[in-house]
C-alpha cells in the first residue's frame, strides 16, 4: 500500500479476528508513529498529540485495544499476547514499515511484549511513556510499585462500583488532584467509562501478574523512557528498572508530572516524542 493519498478515505476500523474490529485513528502523512493507549482509556487519549504529529509531517496511527473505547468488546482473553497479536494484525493490514511505537502505561507493557515477541516487526523505535513495566506489582525479587493486594482491591471495586474505581484512579492520575482542569478530567472519565467492565478487570489481572523482565532483554531498537517524577500509578523506580533492562535506552524525566505527562506537560511531551522520532 505504501503512502496513502489523502483522497482515499482511511479505514476507521480494522478487523483483527472474525467479529473483532479495532478502532483506529489514522491521520497525517509521513513517517508512521503508532500510539497505544493505557488502561482503561482508548486511542482518544492522544487527542492533543495527533495535531502536533500531523503538523510535523508524521502519520499518526492510534490503535484502541479490544475491550476499550470504540473497539469491539468480545468475551475471551485480554492478556498482553492477544493485544500484541492484534497490533501486529493492524500494522500488517495497514502495511506499516519503520514506525515509532509509542505505549503509555499498560500500552507500554503491551508495546514491550510486541517488540519482544515479534522482533520489532513493522517498528524501528520504541517510546515507553509512564509504562507499567517491567512489573506493575511487587515480587520477592522486585520491591517496586504496588503490592498485588492493592490491584485485587481495584478488581473487586470494578465489579461493585466501576464509576467509583475510575474516580479513585482519576484522583491519582496526575501530580495533584488539580493538575488537570475539570473539563479534561471529565473528558478522560468519559473515555474510561466507554471500556467494558470485563476488559477493565481482565487487563488489571494482566497488569498484576505479567513479568516483562525477560522481554526487556530482547529489545535492541532505540528506546526512550518518558516518565513523570511524581507518578503515583507507575512509580519512577519503574523507569529506572526499564533503563537497566533495555540496552539501547535513555530516560527523559518529566519533573512536574504524575502519570498523565501527556496532558500535564503536553508541549514538552509532544516535542520530546517528535525529537526522538526524527533522530
C-alpha atoms as a PDB file:
ATOM      1  CA  UNK A   1       0.000   0.000   0.000  1.00  0.00           C
ATOM      2  CA  UNK A   2       2.844   2.388   0.878  1.00  0.00           C
ATOM      3  CA  UNK A   3       1.927   6.019   1.312  1.00  0.00           C
ATOM      4  CA  UNK A   4      -1.809   6.553   1.213  1.00  0.00           C
ATOM      5  CA  UNK A   5      -3.091   9.530  -0.724  1.00  0.00           C
ATOM      6  CA  UNK A   6      -5.399  11.767   1.288  1.00  0.00           C
ATOM      7  CA  UNK A   7      -8.055  11.332  -1.391  1.00  0.00           C
ATOM      8  CA  UNK A   8      -8.624   7.757  -0.167  1.00  0.00           C
ATOM      9  CA  UNK A   9     -10.691   7.529   2.991  1.00  0.00           C
ATOM     10  CA  UNK A  10      -8.732   5.557   5.549  1.00  0.00           C
ATOM     11  CA  UNK A  11     -10.376   2.751   7.444  1.00  0.00           C
ATOM     12  CA  UNK A  12     -11.547   3.727  10.908  1.00  0.00           C
ATOM     13  CA  UNK A  13     -11.957   0.051  11.840  1.00  0.00           C
ATOM     14  CA  UNK A  14      -9.589  -2.831  11.192  1.00  0.00           C
ATOM     15  CA  UNK A  15     -10.731  -6.439  11.635  1.00  0.00           C
ATOM     16  CA  UNK A  16      -8.188  -8.412  13.670  1.00  0.00           C
ATOM     17  CA  UNK A  17     -10.235 -11.613  14.032  1.00  0.00           C
ATOM     18  CA  UNK A  18     -13.660 -12.700  12.797  1.00  0.00           C
ATOM     19  CA  UNK A  19     -16.174 -10.495  14.684  1.00  0.00           C
ATOM     20  CA  UNK A  20     -13.421  -8.381  16.306  1.00  0.00           C
ATOM     21  CA  UNK A  21     -12.768  -4.927  14.865  1.00  0.00           C
ATOM     22  CA  UNK A  22     -10.461  -2.356  16.437  1.00  0.00           C
ATOM     23  CA  UNK A  23     -10.990   1.394  16.196  1.00  0.00           C
ATOM     24  CA  UNK A  24      -8.029   3.164  14.582  1.00  0.00           C
ATOM     25  CA  UNK A  25      -7.316   6.891  14.288  1.00  0.00           C
ATOM     26  CA  UNK A  26      -5.133   7.232  11.180  1.00  0.00           C
ATOM     27  CA  UNK A  27      -4.186  10.760  10.156  1.00  0.00           C
ATOM     28  CA  UNK A  28      -1.362  12.728   8.559  1.00  0.00           C
ATOM     29  CA  UNK A  29       1.332  11.856   6.026  1.00  0.00           C
ATOM     30  CA  UNK A  30       4.925  10.763   6.554  1.00  0.00           C
ATOM     31  CA  UNK A  31       6.859   8.509   8.918  1.00  0.00           C
ATOM     32  CA  UNK A  32       4.379   6.476  10.982  1.00  0.00           C
ATOM     33  CA  UNK A  33       4.042   6.879  14.736  1.00  0.00           C
ATOM     34  CA  UNK A  34       1.837   4.166  16.270  1.00  0.00           C
ATOM     35  CA  UNK A  35       0.242   5.065  19.613  1.00  0.00           C
ATOM     36  CA  UNK A  36      -1.080   2.512  22.119  1.00  0.00           C
ATOM     37  CA  UNK A  37      -3.246   3.815  24.976  1.00  0.00           C
ATOM     38  CA  UNK A  38      -3.269   2.917  28.664  1.00  0.00           C
ATOM     39  CA  UNK A  39      -5.840   1.238  30.930  1.00  0.00           C
ATOM     40  CA  UNK A  40      -8.821   1.873  30.739  1.00  0.00           C
ATOM     41  CA  UNK A  41      -8.532   4.609  28.076  1.00  0.00           C
ATOM     42  CA  UNK A  42      -8.709   4.469  24.254  1.00  0.00           C
ATOM     43  CA  UNK A  43      -6.815   5.961  21.323  1.00  0.00           C
ATOM     44  CA  UNK A  44      -8.784   9.163  22.026  1.00  0.00           C
ATOM     45  CA  UNK A  45      -6.372   9.909  24.901  1.00  0.00           C
ATOM     46  CA  UNK A  46      -3.894  11.133  22.261  1.00  0.00           C
ATOM     47  CA  UNK A  47      -6.156  13.943  21.018  1.00  0.00           C
ATOM     48  CA  UNK A  48      -3.551  16.574  21.969  1.00  0.00           C
ATOM     49  CA  UNK A  49      -0.749  14.628  20.279  1.00  0.00           C
ATOM     50  CA  UNK A  50      -2.388  13.936  16.907  1.00  0.00           C
ATOM     51  CA  UNK A  51      -2.387  17.521  15.624  1.00  0.00           C
ATOM     52  CA  UNK A  52       1.215  18.142  16.704  1.00  0.00           C
ATOM     53  CA  UNK A  53       2.320  14.960  14.906  1.00  0.00           C
ATOM     54  CA  UNK A  54       0.403  15.834  11.718  1.00  0.00           C
ATOM     55  CA  UNK A  55       1.907  19.345  11.675  1.00  0.00           C
ATOM     56  CA  UNK A  56       5.385  17.836  11.955  1.00  0.00           C
ATOM     57  CA  UNK A  57       4.887  15.563   8.935  1.00  0.00           C
ATOM     58  CA  UNK A  58       4.140  12.296  10.690  1.00  0.00           C
ATOM     59  CA  UNK A  59       1.404   9.781  10.041  1.00  0.00           C
ATOM     60  CA  UNK A  60      -0.219   9.227  13.449  1.00  0.00           C
ATOM     61  CA  UNK A  61      -1.935   5.883  13.992  1.00  0.00           C
ATOM     62  CA  UNK A  62      -3.752   5.405  17.297  1.00  0.00           C
ATOM     63  CA  UNK A  63      -4.996   1.860  17.941  1.00  0.00           C
ATOM     64  CA  UNK A  64      -7.722   1.189  20.514  1.00  0.00           C
ATOM     65  CA  UNK A  65      -7.224  -2.222  22.114  1.00  0.00           C
ATOM     66  CA  UNK A  66     -10.080  -4.718  22.126  1.00  0.00           C
ATOM     67  CA  UNK A  67     -12.479  -4.141  25.035  1.00  0.00           C
ATOM     68  CA  UNK A  68     -11.915  -0.377  25.133  1.00  0.00           C
ATOM     69  CA  UNK A  69     -13.265   2.813  23.579  1.00  0.00           C
ATOM     70  CA  UNK A  70     -14.910   2.301  20.197  1.00  0.00           C
ATOM     71  CA  UNK A  71     -13.274  -1.085  19.554  1.00  0.00           C
ATOM     72  CA  UNK A  72     -15.245  -4.316  19.782  1.00  0.00           C
ATOM     73  CA  UNK A  73     -15.519  -5.856  23.233  1.00  0.00           C
ATOM     74  CA  UNK A  74     -15.557  -9.644  22.854  1.00  0.00           C
ATOM     75  CA  UNK A  75     -15.500 -12.179  25.657  1.00  0.00           C
ATOM     76  CA  UNK A  76     -12.181 -14.026  25.842  1.00  0.00           C
ATOM     77  CA  UNK A  77      -8.514 -13.414  26.579  1.00  0.00           C
ATOM     78  CA  UNK A  78      -7.164  -9.956  27.433  1.00  0.00           C
ATOM     79  CA  UNK A  79      -3.528 -10.747  28.173  1.00  0.00           C
ATOM     80  CA  UNK A  80      -0.567  -8.893  26.632  1.00  0.00           C
ATOM     81  CA  UNK A  81      -0.129 -11.582  23.976  1.00  0.00           C
ATOM     82  CA  UNK A  82      -3.592 -11.091  22.466  1.00  0.00           C
ATOM     83  CA  UNK A  83      -3.145  -7.301  22.401  1.00  0.00           C
ATOM     84  CA  UNK A  84       0.311  -7.648  20.811  1.00  0.00           C
ATOM     85  CA  UNK A  85      -1.147 -10.003  18.207  1.00  0.00           C
ATOM     86  CA  UNK A  86      -3.950  -7.509  17.440  1.00  0.00           C
ATOM     87  CA  UNK A  87      -1.401  -4.702  16.955  1.00  0.00           C
ATOM     88  CA  UNK A  88       0.619  -6.955  14.619  1.00  0.00           C
ATOM     89  CA  UNK A  89      -2.514  -7.611  12.524  1.00  0.00           C
ATOM     90  CA  UNK A  90      -3.374  -3.894  12.274  1.00  0.00           C
ATOM     91  CA  UNK A  91       0.179  -2.929  11.271  1.00  0.00           C
ATOM     92  CA  UNK A  92       0.298  -5.740   8.692  1.00  0.00           C
ATOM     93  CA  UNK A  93      -3.060  -4.766   7.184  1.00  0.00           C
ATOM     94  CA  UNK A  94      -2.031  -1.084   7.000  1.00  0.00           C
ATOM     95  CA  UNK A  95       1.335  -2.120   5.536  1.00  0.00           C
ATOM     96  CA  UNK A  96       3.260  -0.089   8.121  1.00  0.00           C
ATOM     97  CA  UNK A  97       7.063  -0.099   7.995  1.00  0.00           C
ATOM     98  CA  UNK A  98       9.738   1.521  10.144  1.00  0.00           C
ATOM     99  CA  UNK A  99       7.306   3.026  12.665  1.00  0.00           C
ATOM    100  CA  UNK A 100       7.918   4.558  16.066  1.00  0.00           C
ATOM    101  CA  UNK A 101       5.846   2.517  18.541  1.00  0.00           C
ATOM    102  CA  UNK A 102       4.571   4.574  21.491  1.00  0.00           C
ATOM    103  CA  UNK A 103       2.998   2.884  24.516  1.00  0.00           C
ATOM    104  CA  UNK A 104       1.509   4.636  27.533  1.00  0.00           C
ATOM    105  CA  UNK A 105       1.106   2.845  30.888  1.00  0.00           C
ATOM    106  CA  UNK A 106      -0.413  -0.600  30.124  1.00  0.00           C
ATOM    107  CA  UNK A 107       0.124   0.278  26.449  1.00  0.00           C
ATOM    108  CA  UNK A 108       3.836   0.486  27.272  1.00  0.00           C
ATOM    109  CA  UNK A 109       3.762  -3.033  28.724  1.00  0.00           C
ATOM    110  CA  UNK A 110       1.981  -4.279  25.602  1.00  0.00           C
ATOM    111  CA  UNK A 111       4.480  -2.459  23.358  1.00  0.00           C
ATOM    112  CA  UNK A 112       7.343  -4.213  25.188  1.00  0.00           C
ATOM    113  CA  UNK A 113       5.668  -7.599  24.677  1.00  0.00           C
ATOM    114  CA  UNK A 114       5.053  -6.738  20.998  1.00  0.00           C
ATOM    115  CA  UNK A 115       8.685  -5.807  20.270  1.00  0.00           C
ATOM    116  CA  UNK A 116       9.991  -8.829  22.178  1.00  0.00           C
ATOM    117  CA  UNK A 117       7.539 -11.334  20.645  1.00  0.00           C
ATOM    118  CA  UNK A 118       7.711 -10.149  17.034  1.00  0.00           C
ATOM    119  CA  UNK A 119      11.365  -8.994  16.982  1.00  0.00           C
ATOM    120  CA  UNK A 120      10.242  -5.431  16.335  1.00  0.00           C
ATOM    121  CA  UNK A 121       8.271  -6.235  13.146  1.00  0.00           C
ATOM    122  CA  UNK A 122       6.978  -3.022  11.464  1.00  0.00           C
ATOM    123  CA  UNK A 123       8.751  -0.790  14.031  1.00  0.00           C
ATOM    124  CA  UNK A 124      12.237   0.687  14.355  1.00  0.00           C
ATOM    125  CA  UNK A 125      11.961   2.719  17.589  1.00  0.00           C
ATOM    126  CA  UNK A 126      10.137   2.405  20.897  1.00  0.00           C
ATOM    127  CA  UNK A 127       8.808   5.111  23.251  1.00  0.00           C
ATOM    128  CA  UNK A 128       7.665   3.932  26.689  1.00  0.00           C
ATOM    129  CA  UNK A 129       5.593   6.603  28.444  1.00  0.00           C
ATOM    130  CA  UNK A 130       4.770   6.043  32.108  1.00  0.00           C
ATOM    131  CA  UNK A 131       4.956   2.339  31.226  1.00  0.00           C
ATOM    132  CA  UNK A 132       3.638  -0.277  33.677  1.00  0.00           C
ATOM    133  CA  UNK A 133       6.829  -2.312  33.311  1.00  0.00           C
ATOM    134  CA  UNK A 134       8.882  -4.399  33.843  1.00  0.00           C
ATOM    135  CA  UNK A 135       6.351  -5.487  36.517  1.00  0.00           C
ATOM    136  CA  UNK A 136       3.481  -3.399  37.841  1.00  0.00           C
ATOM    137  CA  UNK A 137       3.305  -5.213  41.191  1.00  0.00           C
ATOM    138  CA  UNK A 138       5.810  -6.262  43.818  1.00  0.00           C
ATOM    139  CA  UNK A 139       7.555  -9.660  43.958  1.00  0.00           C
ATOM    140  CA  UNK A 140      10.051 -11.174  46.384  1.00  0.00           C
ATOM    141  CA  UNK A 141      12.798 -10.110  43.981  1.00  0.00           C
ATOM    142  CA  UNK A 142      11.091  -6.896  42.819  1.00  0.00           C
ATOM    143  CA  UNK A 143      10.238  -4.410  45.548  1.00  0.00           C
ATOM    144  CA  UNK A 144       8.840  -1.593  43.395  1.00  0.00           C
ATOM    145  CA  UNK A 145       5.417  -0.055  42.843  1.00  0.00           C
ATOM    146  CA  UNK A 146       2.147  -1.600  44.109  1.00  0.00           C
ATOM    147  CA  UNK A 147       1.517  -4.676  46.233  1.00  0.00           C
ATOM    148  CA  UNK A 148      -0.640  -7.286  44.463  1.00  0.00           C
ATOM    149  CA  UNK A 149      -3.332  -6.842  47.134  1.00  0.00           C
ATOM    150  CA  UNK A 150      -3.887  -3.219  46.003  1.00  0.00           C
ATOM    151  CA  UNK A 151      -4.730  -4.477  42.500  1.00  0.00           C
ATOM    152  CA  UNK A 152      -7.038  -7.165  43.909  1.00  0.00           C
ATOM    153  CA  UNK A 153      -8.976  -4.337  45.579  1.00  0.00           C
ATOM    154  CA  UNK A 154      -9.249  -2.484  42.249  1.00  0.00           C
ATOM    155  CA  UNK A 155     -10.627  -5.623  40.563  1.00  0.00           C
ATOM    156  CA  UNK A 156     -13.167  -6.090  43.367  1.00  0.00           C
ATOM    157  CA  UNK A 157     -14.266  -2.458  43.093  1.00  0.00           C
ATOM    158  CA  UNK A 158     -14.672  -2.812  39.316  1.00  0.00           C
ATOM    159  CA  UNK A 159     -17.371  -5.443  39.928  1.00  0.00           C
ATOM    160  CA  UNK A 160     -19.113  -3.412  42.656  1.00  0.00           C
ATOM    161  CA  UNK A 161     -18.859   0.209  41.543  1.00  0.00           C
ATOM    162  CA  UNK A 162     -16.883   0.874  38.364  1.00  0.00           C
ATOM    163  CA  UNK A 163     -17.539   4.659  38.352  1.00  0.00           C
ATOM    164  CA  UNK A 164     -16.003   4.821  41.851  1.00  0.00           C
ATOM    165  CA  UNK A 165     -12.974   2.821  40.669  1.00  0.00           C
ATOM    166  CA  UNK A 166     -12.489   5.326  37.840  1.00  0.00           C
ATOM    167  CA  UNK A 167     -12.982   8.308  40.155  1.00  0.00           C
ATOM    168  CA  UNK A 168     -10.362   6.938  42.581  1.00  0.00           C
ATOM    169  CA  UNK A 169      -7.994   6.312  39.672  1.00  0.00           C
ATOM    170  CA  UNK A 170      -8.594   9.855  38.400  1.00  0.00           C
ATOM    171  CA  UNK A 171      -7.529  11.318  41.751  1.00  0.00           C
ATOM    172  CA  UNK A 172      -4.045   9.787  41.476  1.00  0.00           C
ATOM    173  CA  UNK A 173      -3.671  10.139  37.690  1.00  0.00           C
ATOM    174  CA  UNK A 174      -1.720  13.403  37.860  1.00  0.00           C
ATOM    175  CA  UNK A 175       0.829  15.052  40.159  1.00  0.00           C
ATOM    176  CA  UNK A 176      -2.018  16.579  42.203  1.00  0.00           C
ATOM    177  CA  UNK A 177      -5.825  16.309  42.092  1.00  0.00           C
ATOM    178  CA  UNK A 178      -5.969  19.734  40.420  1.00  0.00           C
ATOM    179  CA  UNK A 179      -3.111  19.318  37.891  1.00  0.00           C
ATOM    180  CA  UNK A 180      -5.720  18.791  35.181  1.00  0.00           C
ATOM    181  CA  UNK A 181      -8.738  21.089  34.897  1.00  0.00           C
ATOM    182  CA  UNK A 182     -12.270  19.783  35.405  1.00  0.00           C
ATOM    183  CA  UNK A 183     -13.068  19.689  31.701  1.00  0.00           C
ATOM    184  CA  UNK A 184     -10.065  17.496  30.892  1.00  0.00           C
ATOM    185  CA  UNK A 185     -10.776  15.255  33.890  1.00  0.00           C
ATOM    186  CA  UNK A 186     -14.374  14.781  32.821  1.00  0.00           C
ATOM    187  CA  UNK A 187     -13.291  14.068  29.214  1.00  0.00           C
ATOM    188  CA  UNK A 188     -10.873  11.359  30.438  1.00  0.00           C
ATOM    189  CA  UNK A 189     -13.574   9.869  32.656  1.00  0.00           C
ATOM    190  CA  UNK A 190     -15.921   9.630  29.675  1.00  0.00           C
ATOM    191  CA  UNK A 191     -13.285   7.711  27.726  1.00  0.00           C
ATOM    192  CA  UNK A 192     -12.696   5.389  30.688  1.00  0.00           C
ATOM    193  CA  UNK A 193     -16.421   4.673  31.073  1.00  0.00           C
ATOM    194  CA  UNK A 194     -16.563   3.511  27.450  1.00  0.00           C
ATOM    195  CA  UNK A 195     -14.411   0.462  28.306  1.00  0.00           C
ATOM    196  CA  UNK A 196     -16.148  -2.829  29.033  1.00  0.00           C
ATOM    197  CA  UNK A 197     -16.239  -3.888  32.670  1.00  0.00           C
ATOM    198  CA  UNK A 198     -14.938  -7.323  31.656  1.00  0.00           C
ATOM    199  CA  UNK A 199     -11.912  -5.921  29.770  1.00  0.00           C
ATOM    200  CA  UNK A 200     -11.264  -3.459  32.617  1.00  0.00           C
ATOM    201  CA  UNK A 201     -10.938  -6.352  35.092  1.00  0.00           C
ATOM    202  CA  UNK A 202      -9.105  -8.760  32.769  1.00  0.00           C
ATOM    203  CA  UNK A 203      -6.466  -6.146  31.952  1.00  0.00           C
ATOM    204  CA  UNK A 204      -5.970  -5.442  35.662  1.00  0.00           C
ATOM    205  CA  UNK A 205      -5.237  -9.161  36.067  1.00  0.00           C
ATOM    206  CA  UNK A 206      -2.673  -8.958  33.234  1.00  0.00           C
ATOM    207  CA  UNK A 207      -1.130  -5.847  34.791  1.00  0.00           C
ATOM    208  CA  UNK A 208      -0.966  -7.545  38.192  1.00  0.00           C
ATOM    209  CA  UNK A 209       0.500 -10.845  37.029  1.00  0.00           C
ATOM    210  CA  UNK A 210       2.757 -10.243  33.996  1.00  0.00           C
ATOM    211  CA  UNK A 211       6.537 -10.134  34.428  1.00  0.00           C
ATOM    212  CA  UNK A 212       8.261  -8.478  31.438  1.00  0.00           C
ATOM    213  CA  UNK A 213      11.848  -8.649  32.678  1.00  0.00           C
ATOM    214  CA  UNK A 214      12.854 -11.261  30.088  1.00  0.00           C
ATOM    215  CA  UNK A 215      11.077  -9.299  27.356  1.00  0.00           C
ATOM    216  CA  UNK A 216      13.260  -6.256  28.099  1.00  0.00           C
ATOM    217  CA  UNK A 217      16.412  -8.247  27.267  1.00  0.00           C
ATOM    218  CA  UNK A 218      15.102  -8.907  23.733  1.00  0.00           C
ATOM    219  CA  UNK A 219      14.663  -5.224  22.859  1.00  0.00           C
ATOM    220  CA  UNK A 220      17.506  -3.909  20.695  1.00  0.00           C
ATOM    221  CA  UNK A 221      15.852  -0.940  18.915  1.00  0.00           C
ATOM    222  CA  UNK A 222      16.440   2.640  20.185  1.00  0.00           C
ATOM    223  CA  UNK A 223      14.133   3.220  23.157  1.00  0.00           C
ATOM    224  CA  UNK A 224      13.140   6.363  25.041  1.00  0.00           C
ATOM    225  CA  UNK A 225      11.622   6.048  28.521  1.00  0.00           C
ATOM    226  CA  UNK A 226       9.411   9.064  29.244  1.00  0.00           C
ATOM    227  CA  UNK A 227       8.309   9.139  32.870  1.00  0.00           C
ATOM    228  CA  UNK A 228       6.803  11.569  35.382  1.00  0.00           C
ATOM    229  CA  UNK A 229       8.840  12.053  38.557  1.00  0.00           C
ATOM    230  CA  UNK A 230       5.611  12.338  40.601  1.00  0.00           C
ATOM    231  CA  UNK A 231       3.887   9.280  39.090  1.00  0.00           C
ATOM    232  CA  UNK A 232       1.673   7.536  41.686  1.00  0.00           C
ATOM    233  CA  UNK A 233       0.457   4.764  39.348  1.00  0.00           C
ATOM    234  CA  UNK A 234       3.786   3.655  37.844  1.00  0.00           C
ATOM    235  CA  UNK A 235       6.457   4.932  40.200  1.00  0.00           C
ATOM    236  CA  UNK A 236       9.656   6.479  38.792  1.00  0.00           C
ATOM    237  CA  UNK A 237      11.552   3.389  40.056  1.00  0.00           C
ATOM    238  CA  UNK A 238       9.956   1.502  37.163  1.00  0.00           C
ATOM    239  CA  UNK A 239      11.596   3.857  34.640  1.00  0.00           C
ATOM    240  CA  UNK A 240      14.983   3.132  36.220  1.00  0.00           C
ATOM    241  CA  UNK A 241      14.337  -0.623  36.114  1.00  0.00           C
ATOM    242  CA  UNK A 242      13.383  -0.412  32.411  1.00  0.00           C
ATOM    243  CA  UNK A 243      16.553   1.556  31.698  1.00  0.00           C
ATOM    244  CA  UNK A 244      18.629  -1.187  33.365  1.00  0.00           C
ATOM    245  CA  UNK A 245      16.847  -3.891  31.341  1.00  0.00           C
ATOM    246  CA  UNK A 246      16.803  -2.319  27.856  1.00  0.00           C
ATOM    247  CA  UNK A 247      20.268  -1.965  26.298  1.00  0.00           C
ATOM    248  CA  UNK A 248      19.711   0.903  23.885  1.00  0.00           C
ATOM    249  CA  UNK A 249      17.556   3.137  26.125  1.00  0.00           C
ATOM    250  CA  UNK A 250      17.569   6.512  27.862  1.00  0.00           C
ATOM    251  CA  UNK A 251      15.191   8.255  30.281  1.00  0.00           C
ATOM    252  CA  UNK A 252      13.539  11.632  29.741  1.00  0.00           C
ATOM    253  CA  UNK A 253      12.253  12.823  33.118  1.00  0.00           C
ATOM    254  CA  UNK A 254       9.132  14.955  33.497  1.00  0.00           C
ATOM    255  CA  UNK A 255       9.854  16.669  36.804  1.00  0.00           C
ATOM    256  CA  UNK A 256       6.418  18.316  37.217  1.00  0.00           C
ATOM    257  CA  UNK A 257       4.237  15.425  36.062  1.00  0.00           C
ATOM    258  CA  UNK A 258       2.446  12.494  37.594  1.00  0.00           C
ATOM    259  CA  UNK A 259       1.174   9.675  35.377  1.00  0.00           C
ATOM    260  CA  UNK A 260      -0.502  11.965  32.835  1.00  0.00           C
ATOM    261  CA  UNK A 261       2.573  13.750  31.465  1.00  0.00           C
ATOM    262  CA  UNK A 262       0.939  13.850  28.001  1.00  0.00           C
ATOM    263  CA  UNK A 263      -1.624  16.298  29.476  1.00  0.00           C
ATOM    264  CA  UNK A 264       0.325  17.868  32.351  1.00  0.00           C
ATOM    265  CA  UNK A 265       3.325  18.874  30.224  1.00  0.00           C
ATOM    266  CA  UNK A 266       1.789  18.482  26.763  1.00  0.00           C
ATOM    267  CA  UNK A 267       4.206  20.686  24.820  1.00  0.00           C
ATOM    268  CA  UNK A 268       7.260  19.021  26.328  1.00  0.00           C
ATOM    269  CA  UNK A 269       5.738  15.576  25.748  1.00  0.00           C
ATOM    270  CA  UNK A 270       4.992  16.309  22.092  1.00  0.00           C
ATOM    271  CA  UNK A 271       8.379  17.875  21.418  1.00  0.00           C
ATOM    272  CA  UNK A 272      10.296  15.002  23.092  1.00  0.00           C
ATOM    273  CA  UNK A 273       8.323  12.471  21.057  1.00  0.00           C
ATOM    274  CA  UNK A 274       8.917  14.366  17.807  1.00  0.00           C
ATOM    275  CA  UNK A 275      12.625  14.848  18.570  1.00  0.00           C
ATOM    276  CA  UNK A 276      13.046  11.119  19.245  1.00  0.00           C
ATOM    277  CA  UNK A 277      11.089  10.141  16.115  1.00  0.00           C
ATOM    278  CA  UNK A 278      13.168  12.455  13.909  1.00  0.00           C
ATOM    279  CA  UNK A 279      16.557  11.202  15.148  1.00  0.00           C
END
